[in-house]
Amino acid sequence: MLALAATGGAMPAGAAAAAGVQGSRTAQSQQQEVSSRWSFETTEGVDPVTVPDEAGTANALTLHGGAVPAQTWQVDTGGLALDGTGHATAATMPVDTSGSFTLTAWAQAATAPTEAVTVISAEGSDRAAVQVAFVPDERYPAGGLGAWRLSIAEQDMAGARTVVLDTPQLSNALDWTHLAVAYDGTTKQARLYVDGTLLEPTCPDDDGDGIPDDAACPDFQPWADEVTPFPATSFQVGRSGTGAHAGSYFSGLVDDVWIFQGALSEDQVRKLSVSFFDVPTVVPGT
């Protein structure tokens, strides 16, 4: 059974956040800008192949191992193919992950994952500050069904308090899926969007007592208050961890990865999730 939990410091993330979620869904930093964007429309070099940053910085993504340009895509005419052993890295993290930021990407698994696989991660020296992964549901081992999971660590060390958020509804990893993490450093709230939506729990509660009528119904919530990621130093596509800690490799396609300074609103995230052609490298809605 998929779960929502906080480890290290053991703070439940869902119930405490519910009361304030309506106002904070549209909360965003006053300043928003595109810090990095990798659309995979063009590549440079050979061994290694790099993907230029369309935000105009020198922070290119470098492809490693079984990571190659793809002729299958979701946005425009290029993507990234990962074979379960390769990944891509940016030498520096374009934003301060202890402040307000947004990360987005499209992903489609090649086969039904049998274990947790990571699409994007903001890394420190010992662990990921921010990680978005797909976790298969043990009840459907061959169907590609499971939950998208956001993990946020508050310190770059083993045993650090980590908030884990699972989407409350099952998703199919074999479908193209738009993923977005928006973190508001002012309210200290993290939000995980799937296909432009902050998914709501769907557990029936006919008597209104706040307890699902079916105790087996997972009452997960894809947001959390009082979260403070540590400042990451690098960015990865297709795995989590570095060096001896590397793992959770993704097999499939990834496309159009963005990093914004500032927490995008739900409307801005939704706009990105339905934009497929000639998408300008600007903050959505501007």
C-alpha atoms as a PDB file:
ATOM      1  CA  MET A   1       0.000   0.000   0.000  1.00  0.00           C
ATOM      2  CA  LEU A   2       1.343   3.436  -0.933  1.00  0.00           C
ATOM      3  CA  ALA A   3       1.798   5.854   1.913  1.00  0.00           C
ATOM      4  CA  LEU A   4       2.486   9.417   2.895  1.00  0.00           C
ATOM      5  CA  ALA A   5       5.031   9.868   5.653  1.00  0.00           C
ATOM      6  CA  ALA A   6       7.714  12.019   7.167  1.00  0.00           C
ATOM      7  CA  THR A   7      10.893  10.205   8.129  1.00  0.00           C
ATOM      8  CA  GLY A   8      13.766  11.270  10.336  1.00  0.00           C
ATOM      9  CA  GLY A   9      11.586  13.785  12.189  1.00  0.00           C
ATOM     10  CA  ALA A  10       8.309  11.872  11.783  1.00  0.00           C
ATOM     11  CA  MET A  11       5.913  14.706  10.932  1.00  0.00           C
ATOM     12  CA  PRO A  12       2.704  13.620   9.122  1.00  0.00           C
ATOM     13  CA  ALA A  13       2.279  15.875   6.120  1.00  0.00           C
ATOM     14  CA  GLY A  14      -1.336  15.483   5.050  1.00  0.00           C
ATOM     15  CA  ALA A  15      -3.768  16.311   7.811  1.00  0.00           C
ATOM     16  CA  ALA A  16      -1.921  19.365   9.081  1.00  0.00           C
ATOM     17  CA  ALA A  17      -1.852  20.848   5.594  1.00  0.00           C
ATOM     18  CA  ALA A  18      -5.507  20.401   4.677  1.00  0.00           C
ATOM     19  CA  ALA A  19      -6.860  23.480   6.455  1.00  0.00           C
ATOM     20  CA  GLY A  20      -4.581  25.910   4.666  1.00  0.00           C
ATOM     21  CA  VAL A  21      -4.411  24.358   1.232  1.00  0.00           C
ATOM     22  CA  GLN A  22      -7.151  26.401  -0.430  1.00  0.00           C
ATOM     23  CA  GLY A  23      -5.337  29.691   0.018  1.00  0.00           C
ATOM     24  CA  SER A  24      -1.870  28.348  -0.586  1.00  0.00           C
ATOM     25  CA  ARG A  25      -2.647  26.639  -3.884  1.00  0.00           C
ATOM     26  CA  THR A  26      -2.434  29.977  -5.622  1.00  0.00           C
ATOM     27  CA  ALA A  27       0.374  31.310  -3.446  1.00  0.00           C
ATOM     28  CA  GLN A  28       3.481  32.212  -5.390  1.00  0.00           C
ATOM     29  CA  SER A  29       6.622  34.226  -4.927  1.00  0.00           C
ATOM     30  CA  GLN A  30       6.496  37.834  -6.050  1.00  0.00           C
ATOM     31  CA  GLN A  31       9.382  37.230  -8.432  1.00  0.00           C
ATOM     32  CA  GLN A  32       9.180  34.497 -11.051  1.00  0.00           C
ATOM     33  CA  GLU A  33      11.655  33.760 -13.802  1.00  0.00           C
ATOM     34  CA  VAL A  34      12.866  30.871 -15.926  1.00  0.00           C
ATOM     35  CA  SER A  35      16.151  29.718 -14.439  1.00  0.00           C
ATOM     36  CA  SER A  36      16.760  26.764 -16.792  1.00  0.00           C
ATOM     37  CA  ARG A  37      14.936  24.893 -19.529  1.00  0.00           C
ATOM     38  CA  TRP A  38      16.064  21.827 -21.430  1.00  0.00           C
ATOM     39  CA  SER A  39      13.685  21.028 -24.305  1.00  0.00           C
ATOM     40  CA  PHE A  40      15.966  18.420 -25.960  1.00  0.00           C
ATOM     41  CA  GLU A  41      15.307  19.993 -29.356  1.00  0.00           C
ATOM     42  CA  THR A  42      19.037  20.368 -30.022  1.00  0.00           C
ATOM     43  CA  THR A  43      22.203  18.761 -28.713  1.00  0.00           C
ATOM     44  CA  GLU A  44      25.868  19.646 -28.869  1.00  0.00           C
ATOM     45  CA  GLY A  45      29.105  17.674 -28.883  1.00  0.00           C
ATOM     46  CA  VAL A  46      29.943  13.991 -28.916  1.00  0.00           C
ATOM     47  CA  ASP A  47      31.104  11.918 -25.951  1.00  0.00           C
ATOM     48  CA  PRO A  48      29.684  13.584 -24.014  1.00  0.00           C
ATOM     49  CA  VAL A  49      26.543  14.861 -25.669  1.00  0.00           C
ATOM     50  CA  THR A  50      25.146  17.970 -24.017  1.00  0.00           C
ATOM     51  CA  VAL A  51      21.754  19.681 -24.148  1.00  0.00           C
ATOM     52  CA  PRO A  52      21.900  23.494 -24.056  1.00  0.00           C
ATOM     53  CA  ASP A  53      19.986  25.492 -21.478  1.00  0.00           C
ATOM     54  CA  GLU A  54      17.375  27.506 -23.373  1.00  0.00           C
ATOM     55  CA  ALA A  55      17.215  30.042 -20.555  1.00  0.00           C
ATOM     56  CA  GLY A  56      20.483  31.397 -21.979  1.00  0.00           C
ATOM     57  CA  THR A  57      22.853  30.136 -19.308  1.00  0.00           C
ATOM     58  CA  ALA A  58      25.886  27.893 -19.699  1.00  0.00           C
ATOM     59  CA  ASN A  59      24.247  25.261 -17.486  1.00  0.00           C
ATOM     60  CA  ALA A  60      23.945  22.500 -20.080  1.00  0.00           C
ATOM     61  CA  LEU A  61      22.698  19.008 -19.292  1.00  0.00           C
ATOM     62  CA  THR A  62      25.327  16.331 -19.885  1.00  0.00           C
ATOM     63  CA  LEU A  63      24.116  12.896 -21.009  1.00  0.00           C
ATOM     64  CA  HIS A  64      25.703   9.864 -19.370  1.00  0.00           C
ATOM     65  CA  GLY A  65      25.609   6.148 -20.178  1.00  0.00           C
ATOM     66  CA  GLY A  66      22.328   4.995 -21.674  1.00  0.00           C
ATOM     67  CA  ALA A  67      20.894   8.503 -22.034  1.00  0.00           C
ATOM     68  CA  VAL A  68      20.487   9.538 -25.682  1.00  0.00           C
ATOM     69  CA  PRO A  69      18.489  12.041 -27.740  1.00  0.00           C
ATOM     70  CA  ALA A  70      15.101  10.579 -28.691  1.00  0.00           C
ATOM     71  CA  GLN A  71      13.001  10.826 -31.803  1.00  0.00           C
ATOM     72  CA  THR A  72       9.886  10.337 -29.680  1.00  0.00           C
ATOM     73  CA  TRP A  73       8.679  13.308 -27.722  1.00  0.00           C
ATOM     74  CA  GLN A  74       5.758  15.079 -26.075  1.00  0.00           C
ATOM     75  CA  VAL A  75       6.631  18.744 -26.712  1.00  0.00           C
ATOM     76  CA  ASP A  76       7.841  19.948 -30.134  1.00  0.00           C
ATOM     77  CA  THR A  77      10.232  17.497 -31.877  1.00  0.00           C
ATOM     78  CA  GLY A  78      12.858  16.158 -29.476  1.00  0.00           C
ATOM     79  CA  GLY A  79      13.124  14.251 -26.216  1.00  0.00           C
ATOM     80  CA  LEU A  80      15.447  12.256 -23.980  1.00  0.00           C
ATOM     81  CA  ALA A  81      15.523   8.436 -23.952  1.00  0.00           C
ATOM     82  CA  LEU A  82      16.762   6.633 -20.838  1.00  0.00           C
ATOM     83  CA  ASP A  83      17.477   2.901 -20.759  1.00  0.00           C
ATOM     84  CA  GLY A  84      17.497   2.354 -16.998  1.00  0.00           C
ATOM     85  CA  THR A  85      21.250   2.813 -16.681  1.00  0.00           C
ATOM     86  CA  GLY A  86      21.771   6.328 -18.037  1.00  0.00           C
ATOM     87  CA  HIS A  87      21.032   9.778 -16.687  1.00  0.00           C
ATOM     88  CA  ALA A  88      21.651  13.458 -17.337  1.00  0.00           C
ATOM     89  CA  THR A  89      23.237  16.029 -15.043  1.00  0.00           C
ATOM     90  CA  ALA A  90      23.545  19.794 -14.757  1.00  0.00           C
ATOM     91  CA  ALA A  91      26.744  20.921 -13.070  1.00  0.00           C
ATOM     92  CA  THR A  92      24.951  23.469 -10.902  1.00  0.00           C
ATOM     93  CA  MET A  93      21.475  23.800  -9.411  1.00  0.00           C
ATOM     94  CA  PRO A  94      19.877  26.815 -11.115  1.00  0.00           C
ATOM     95  CA  VAL A  95      17.807  27.881  -8.069  1.00  0.00           C
ATOM     96  CA  ASP A  96      18.123  27.938  -4.309  1.00  0.00           C
ATOM     97  CA  THR A  97      15.932  25.024  -3.231  1.00  0.00           C
ATOM     98  CA  SER A  98      15.602  26.461   0.266  1.00  0.00           C
ATOM     99  CA  GLY A  99      13.720  29.383  -1.339  1.00  0.00           C
ATOM    100  CA  SER A 100      10.763  29.443  -3.737  1.00  0.00           C
ATOM    101  CA  PHE A 101      11.093  27.361  -6.907  1.00  0.00           C
ATOM    102  CA  THR A 102       9.230  25.177  -9.393  1.00  0.00           C
ATOM    103  CA  LEU A 103      10.458  22.054 -11.233  1.00  0.00           C
ATOM    104  CA  THR A 104       8.522  20.514 -14.139  1.00  0.00           C
ATOM    105  CA  ALA A 105       9.029  17.669 -16.619  1.00  0.00           C
ATOM    106  CA  TRP A 106       7.181  15.274 -18.892  1.00  0.00           C
ATOM    107  CA  ALA A 107       7.831  11.550 -18.406  1.00  0.00           C
ATOM    108  CA  GLN A 108       6.704   8.205 -19.845  1.00  0.00           C
ATOM    109  CA  ALA A 109       8.054   4.864 -18.632  1.00  0.00           C
ATOM    110  CA  ALA A 110       9.120   2.316 -21.246  1.00  0.00           C
ATOM    111  CA  THR A 111       7.850  -0.651 -19.220  1.00  0.00           C
ATOM    112  CA  ALA A 112       5.929  -1.057 -15.977  1.00  0.00           C
ATOM    113  CA  PRO A 113       8.371  -0.150 -13.169  1.00  0.00           C
ATOM    114  CA  THR A 114       9.016  -2.883 -10.614  1.00  0.00           C
ATOM    115  CA  GLU A 115      10.572  -0.519  -8.087  1.00  0.00           C
ATOM    116  CA  ALA A 116      10.722   3.227  -7.412  1.00  0.00           C
ATOM    117  CA  VAL A 117      12.242   5.137 -10.355  1.00  0.00           C
ATOM    118  CA  THR A 118      13.277   8.793 -10.334  1.00  0.00           C
ATOM    119  CA  VAL A 119      12.472  11.324 -13.060  1.00  0.00           C
ATOM    120  CA  ILE A 120      14.125  14.447 -11.610  1.00  0.00           C
ATOM    121  CA  SER A 121      16.158  15.202  -8.499  1.00  0.00           C
ATOM    122  CA  ALA A 122      17.903  18.197  -6.947  1.00  0.00           C
ATOM    123  CA  GLU A 123      20.964  16.750  -5.263  1.00  0.00           C
ATOM    124  CA  GLY A 124      23.304  17.469  -2.386  1.00  0.00           C
ATOM    125  CA  SER A 125      26.502  15.599  -1.610  1.00  0.00           C
ATOM    126  CA  ASP A 126      24.830  12.752   0.311  1.00  0.00           C
ATOM    127  CA  ARG A 127      21.168  12.762  -0.756  1.00  0.00           C
ATOM    128  CA  ALA A 128      18.497  14.483  -2.799  1.00  0.00           C
ATOM    129  CA  ALA A 129      16.944  17.666  -1.435  1.00  0.00           C
ATOM    130  CA  VAL A 130      14.006  17.268  -3.842  1.00  0.00           C
ATOM    131  CA  GLN A 131      13.097  14.103  -5.729  1.00  0.00           C
ATOM    132  CA  VAL A 132      10.158  13.143  -7.960  1.00  0.00           C
ATOM    133  CA  ALA A 133       9.758   9.403  -8.504  1.00  0.00           C
ATOM    134  CA  PHE A 134       7.185   6.842  -9.578  1.00  0.00           C
ATOM    135  CA  VAL A 135       6.397   4.130  -7.033  1.00  0.00           C
ATOM    136  CA  PRO A 136       4.555   1.042  -8.373  1.00  0.00           C
ATOM    137  CA  ASP A 137       1.513  -0.195  -6.497  1.00  0.00           C
ATOM    138  CA  GLU A 138       2.163  -3.685  -5.128  1.00  0.00           C
ATOM    139  CA  ARG A 139      -1.389  -4.711  -6.042  1.00  0.00           C
ATOM    140  CA  TYR A 140      -0.746  -4.176  -9.775  1.00  0.00           C
ATOM    141  CA  PRO A 141       2.808  -5.416 -10.351  1.00  0.00           C
ATOM    142  CA  ALA A 142       2.550  -5.680 -14.146  1.00  0.00           C
ATOM    143  CA  GLY A 143       0.073  -2.932 -14.958  1.00  0.00           C
ATOM    144  CA  GLY A 144       2.217   0.185 -14.678  1.00  0.00           C
ATOM    145  CA  LEU A 145      -0.051   1.577 -11.956  1.00  0.00           C
ATOM    146  CA  GLY A 146       1.239   3.405  -8.916  1.00  0.00           C
ATOM    147  CA  ALA A 147       1.751   6.839  -7.410  1.00  0.00           C
ATOM    148  CA  TRP A 148       3.984   9.764  -8.220  1.00  0.00           C
ATOM    149  CA  ARG A 149       6.008  10.633  -5.136  1.00  0.00           C
ATOM    150  CA  LEU A 150       7.645  13.860  -4.003  1.00  0.00           C
ATOM    151  CA  SER A 151      10.378  13.538  -1.364  1.00  0.00           C
ATOM    152  CA  ILE A 152      11.941  16.574   0.324  1.00  0.00           C
ATOM    153  CA  ALA A 153      14.890  16.326   2.723  1.00  0.00           C
ATOM    154  CA  GLU A 154      15.695  19.149   5.110  1.00  0.00           C
ATOM    155  CA  GLN A 155      19.398  18.330   5.596  1.00  0.00           C
ATOM    156  CA  ASP A 156      22.096  16.843   3.400  1.00  0.00           C
ATOM    157  CA  MET A 157      22.786  13.886   5.655  1.00  0.00           C
ATOM    158  CA  ALA A 158      21.619  10.356   6.354  1.00  0.00           C
ATOM    159  CA  GLY A 159      18.647  10.221   8.709  1.00  0.00           C
ATOM    160  CA  ALA A 160      17.555  13.786   7.955  1.00  0.00           C
ATOM    161  CA  ARG A 161      13.885  14.617   8.337  1.00  0.00           C
ATOM    162  CA  THR A 162      12.267  13.835   4.979  1.00  0.00           C
ATOM    163  CA  VAL A 163       8.711  14.653   3.967  1.00  0.00           C
ATOM    164  CA  VAL A 164       7.237  12.161   1.498  1.00  0.00           C
ATOM    165  CA  LEU A 165       4.097  12.992  -0.490  1.00  0.00           C
ATOM    166  CA  ASP A 166       2.239  10.464  -2.658  1.00  0.00           C
ATOM    167  CA  THR A 167      -0.506  11.352  -5.087  1.00  0.00           C
ATOM    168  CA  PRO A 168      -3.860  10.070  -3.763  1.00  0.00           C
ATOM    169  CA  GLN A 169      -4.981   8.549  -7.069  1.00  0.00           C
ATOM    170  CA  LEU A 170      -3.293   5.819  -9.073  1.00  0.00           C
ATOM    171  CA  SER A 171      -1.483   6.862 -12.241  1.00  0.00           C
ATOM    172  CA  ASN A 172      -0.144   4.803 -15.123  1.00  0.00           C
ATOM    173  CA  ALA A 173       3.602   5.252 -15.619  1.00  0.00           C
ATOM    174  CA  LEU A 174       3.223   4.067 -19.225  1.00  0.00           C
ATOM    175  CA  ASP A 175       1.260   7.235 -20.085  1.00  0.00           C
ATOM    176  CA  TRP A 176       2.897  10.548 -20.839  1.00  0.00           C
ATOM    177  CA  THR A 177       2.556  12.497 -17.576  1.00  0.00           C
ATOM    178  CA  HIS A 178       3.307  16.123 -16.765  1.00  0.00           C
ATOM    179  CA  LEU A 179       4.914  16.483 -13.334  1.00  0.00           C
ATOM    180  CA  ALA A 180       5.443  19.704 -11.396  1.00  0.00           C
ATOM    181  CA  VAL A 181       6.783  20.546  -7.947  1.00  0.00           C
ATOM    182  CA  ALA A 182       6.044  24.028  -6.651  1.00  0.00           C
ATOM    183  CA  TYR A 183       7.656  25.108  -3.388  1.00  0.00           C
ATOM    184  CA  ASP A 184       6.748  28.401  -1.734  1.00  0.00           C
ATOM    185  CA  GLY A 185       9.559  29.464   0.579  1.00  0.00           C
ATOM    186  CA  THR A 186       7.346  32.064   2.267  1.00  0.00           C
ATOM    187  CA  THR A 187       4.578  29.682   3.335  1.00  0.00           C
ATOM    188  CA  LYS A 188       6.994  26.698   3.423  1.00  0.00           C
ATOM    189  CA  GLN A 189       4.500  24.638   1.480  1.00  0.00           C
ATOM    190  CA  ALA A 190       5.355  22.031  -1.148  1.00  0.00           C
ATOM    191  CA  ARG A 191       2.861  20.924  -3.812  1.00  0.00           C
ATOM    192  CA  LEU A 192       2.998  18.074  -6.327  1.00  0.00           C
ATOM    193  CA  TYR A 193       0.956  18.465  -9.516  1.00  0.00           C
ATOM    194  CA  VAL A 194       0.169  15.654 -11.954  1.00  0.00           C
ATOM    195  CA  ASP A 195      -1.030  16.657 -15.432  1.00  0.00           C
ATOM    196  CA  GLY A 196      -1.588  20.203 -14.204  1.00  0.00           C
ATOM    197  CA  THR A 197      -3.740  19.248 -11.224  1.00  0.00           C
ATOM    198  CA  LEU A 198      -3.204  19.062  -7.494  1.00  0.00           C
ATOM    199  CA  LEU A 199      -4.993  15.744  -7.123  1.00  0.00           C
ATOM    200  CA  GLU A 200      -7.592  15.551  -4.352  1.00  0.00           C
ATOM    201  CA  PRO A 201      -8.208  12.502  -2.166  1.00  0.00           C
ATOM    202  CA  THR A 202     -11.301  10.613  -3.366  1.00  0.00           C
ATOM    203  CA  CYS A 203     -12.139   8.583  -0.259  1.00  0.00           C
ATOM    204  CA  PRO A 204     -15.903   8.652   0.544  1.00  0.00           C
ATOM    205  CA  ASP A 205     -16.749  10.196   3.911  1.00  0.00           C
ATOM    206  CA  ASP A 206     -20.545  10.154   4.031  1.00  0.00           C
ATOM    207  CA  ASP A 207     -20.837  11.077   7.717  1.00  0.00           C
ATOM    208  CA  GLY A 208     -18.373  13.962   7.405  1.00  0.00           C
ATOM    209  CA  ASP A 209     -16.254  12.963  10.365  1.00  0.00           C
ATOM    210  CA  GLY A 210     -12.989  13.329   8.440  1.00  0.00           C
ATOM    211  CA  ILE A 211     -12.395   9.570   8.454  1.00  0.00           C
ATOM    212  CA  PRO A 212     -12.836   7.598   5.211  1.00  0.00           C
ATOM    213  CA  ASP A 213     -15.813   5.238   5.276  1.00  0.00           C
ATOM    214  CA  ASP A 214     -13.486   2.534   3.942  1.00  0.00           C
ATOM    215  CA  ALA A 215     -10.424   2.244   6.177  1.00  0.00           C
ATOM    216  CA  ALA A 216      -8.525   0.710   3.259  1.00  0.00           C
ATOM    217  CA  CYS A 217      -8.996   3.840   1.149  1.00  0.00           C
ATOM    218  CA  PRO A 218      -5.715   5.790   1.110  1.00  0.00           C
ATOM    219  CA  ASP A 219      -6.291   9.378   2.196  1.00  0.00           C
ATOM    220  CA  PHE A 220      -3.054  10.816   0.805  1.00  0.00           C
ATOM    221  CA  GLN A 221      -2.597  14.488   0.040  1.00  0.00           C
ATOM    222  CA  PRO A 222      -0.050  15.896  -2.414  1.00  0.00           C
ATOM    223  CA  TRP A 223       0.863  18.950  -0.367  1.00  0.00           C
ATOM    224  CA  ALA A 224       2.591  19.664   2.940  1.00  0.00           C
ATOM    225  CA  ASP A 225       3.189  22.680   5.191  1.00  0.00           C
ATOM    226  CA  GLU A 226       6.260  23.530   7.246  1.00  0.00           C
ATOM    227  CA  VAL A 227       8.718  21.978   4.790  1.00  0.00           C
ATOM    228  CA  THR A 228      12.211  23.385   4.236  1.00  0.00           C
ATOM    229  CA  PRO A 229      14.426  21.686   1.627  1.00  0.00           C
ATOM    230  CA  PHE A 230      18.164  22.113   2.036  1.00  0.00           C
ATOM    231  CA  PRO A 231      20.016  24.005  -0.738  1.00  0.00           C
ATOM    232  CA  ALA A 232      20.821  21.509  -3.505  1.00  0.00           C
ATOM    233  CA  THR A 233      24.045  21.824  -5.496  1.00  0.00           C
ATOM    234  CA  SER A 234      23.289  19.863  -8.684  1.00  0.00           C
ATOM    235  CA  PHE A 235      20.384  18.638 -10.794  1.00  0.00           C
ATOM    236  CA  GLN A 236      19.732  15.225 -12.344  1.00  0.00           C
ATOM    237  CA  VAL A 237      17.299  13.681 -14.796  1.00  0.00           C
ATOM    238  CA  GLY A 238      16.680   9.943 -14.667  1.00  0.00           C
ATOM    239  CA  ARG A 239      18.106   8.930 -11.298  1.00  0.00           C
ATOM    240  CA  SER A 240      18.602   9.992  -7.679  1.00  0.00           C
ATOM    241  CA  GLY A 241      21.786  10.092  -5.637  1.00  0.00           C
ATOM    242  CA  THR A 242      25.363  10.446  -6.825  1.00  0.00           C
ATOM    243  CA  GLY A 243      28.453   8.279  -6.702  1.00  0.00           C
ATOM    244  CA  ALA A 244      27.995   5.265  -4.446  1.00  0.00           C
ATOM    245  CA  HIS A 245      24.527   6.548  -3.500  1.00  0.00           C
ATOM    246  CA  ALA A 246      23.217   6.625  -7.114  1.00  0.00           C
ATOM    247  CA  GLY A 247      20.186   4.530  -7.990  1.00  0.00           C
ATOM    248  CA  SER A 248      16.467   4.561  -8.774  1.00  0.00           C
ATOM    249  CA  TYR A 249      17.195   4.812 -12.518  1.00  0.00           C
ATOM    250  CA  PHE A 250      14.291   5.668 -14.834  1.00  0.00           C
ATOM    251  CA  SER A 251      13.705   3.755 -18.072  1.00  0.00           C
ATOM    252  CA  GLY A 252      11.654   5.605 -20.660  1.00  0.00           C
ATOM    253  CA  LEU A 253      11.253   9.065 -22.118  1.00  0.00           C
ATOM    254  CA  VAL A 254      11.607  12.506 -20.550  1.00  0.00           C
ATOM    255  CA  ASP A 255      10.864  15.811 -22.240  1.00  0.00           C
ATOM    256  CA  ASP A 256      10.809  19.567 -21.676  1.00  0.00           C
ATOM    257  CA  VAL A 257      12.370  19.992 -18.225  1.00  0.00           C
ATOM    258  CA  TRP A 258      11.968  23.435 -16.629  1.00  0.00           C
ATOM    259  CA  ILE A 259      13.310  25.060 -13.464  1.00  0.00           C
ATOM    260  CA  PHE A 260      11.752  28.315 -12.307  1.00  0.00           C
ATOM    261  CA  GLN A 261      12.649  30.711  -9.573  1.00  0.00           C
ATOM    262  CA  GLY A 262       9.424  31.246  -7.665  1.00  0.00           C
ATOM    263  CA  ALA A 263       6.442  28.991  -7.003  1.00  0.00           C
ATOM    264  CA  LEU A 264       4.141  28.840 -10.019  1.00  0.00           C
ATOM    265  CA  SER A 265       0.406  28.939  -9.408  1.00  0.00           C
ATOM    266  CA  GLU A 266      -1.867  26.035 -10.314  1.00  0.00           C
ATOM    267  CA  ASP A 267      -3.087  27.961 -13.362  1.00  0.00           C
ATOM    268  CA  GLN A 268       0.490  28.453 -14.567  1.00  0.00           C
ATOM    269  CA  VAL A 269       1.345  24.781 -14.048  1.00  0.00           C
ATOM    270  CA  ARG A 270      -1.806  23.767 -15.907  1.00  0.00           C
ATOM    271  CA  LYS A 271      -0.877  26.034 -18.813  1.00  0.00           C
ATOM    272  CA  LEU A 272       2.473  24.256 -19.167  1.00  0.00           C
ATOM    273  CA  SER A 273       0.770  20.859 -19.005  1.00  0.00           C
ATOM    274  CA  VAL A 274      -1.370  21.627 -22.077  1.00  0.00           C
ATOM    275  CA  SER A 275       1.300  23.365 -24.173  1.00  0.00           C
ATOM    276  CA  PHE A 276       2.893  21.158 -26.826  1.00  0.00           C
ATOM    277  CA  PHE A 277       4.153  23.238 -29.772  1.00  0.00           C
ATOM    278  CA  ASP A 278       6.406  26.302 -30.056  1.00  0.00           C
ATOM    279  CA  VAL A 279       6.351  26.861 -26.296  1.00  0.00           C
ATOM    280  CA  PRO A 280       8.355  30.048 -25.568  1.00  0.00           C
ATOM    281  CA  THR A 281      10.947  30.045 -22.817  1.00  0.00           C
ATOM    282  CA  VAL A 282       9.059  32.450 -20.577  1.00  0.00           C
ATOM    283  CA  VAL A 283       7.078  32.211 -17.350  1.00  0.00           C
ATOM    284  CA  PRO A 284       3.625  30.798 -18.281  1.00  0.00           C
ATOM    285  CA  GLY A 285       1.005  33.502 -18.613  1.00  0.00           C
ATOM    286  CA  THR A 286       3.483  36.301 -19.396  1.00  0.00           C
END
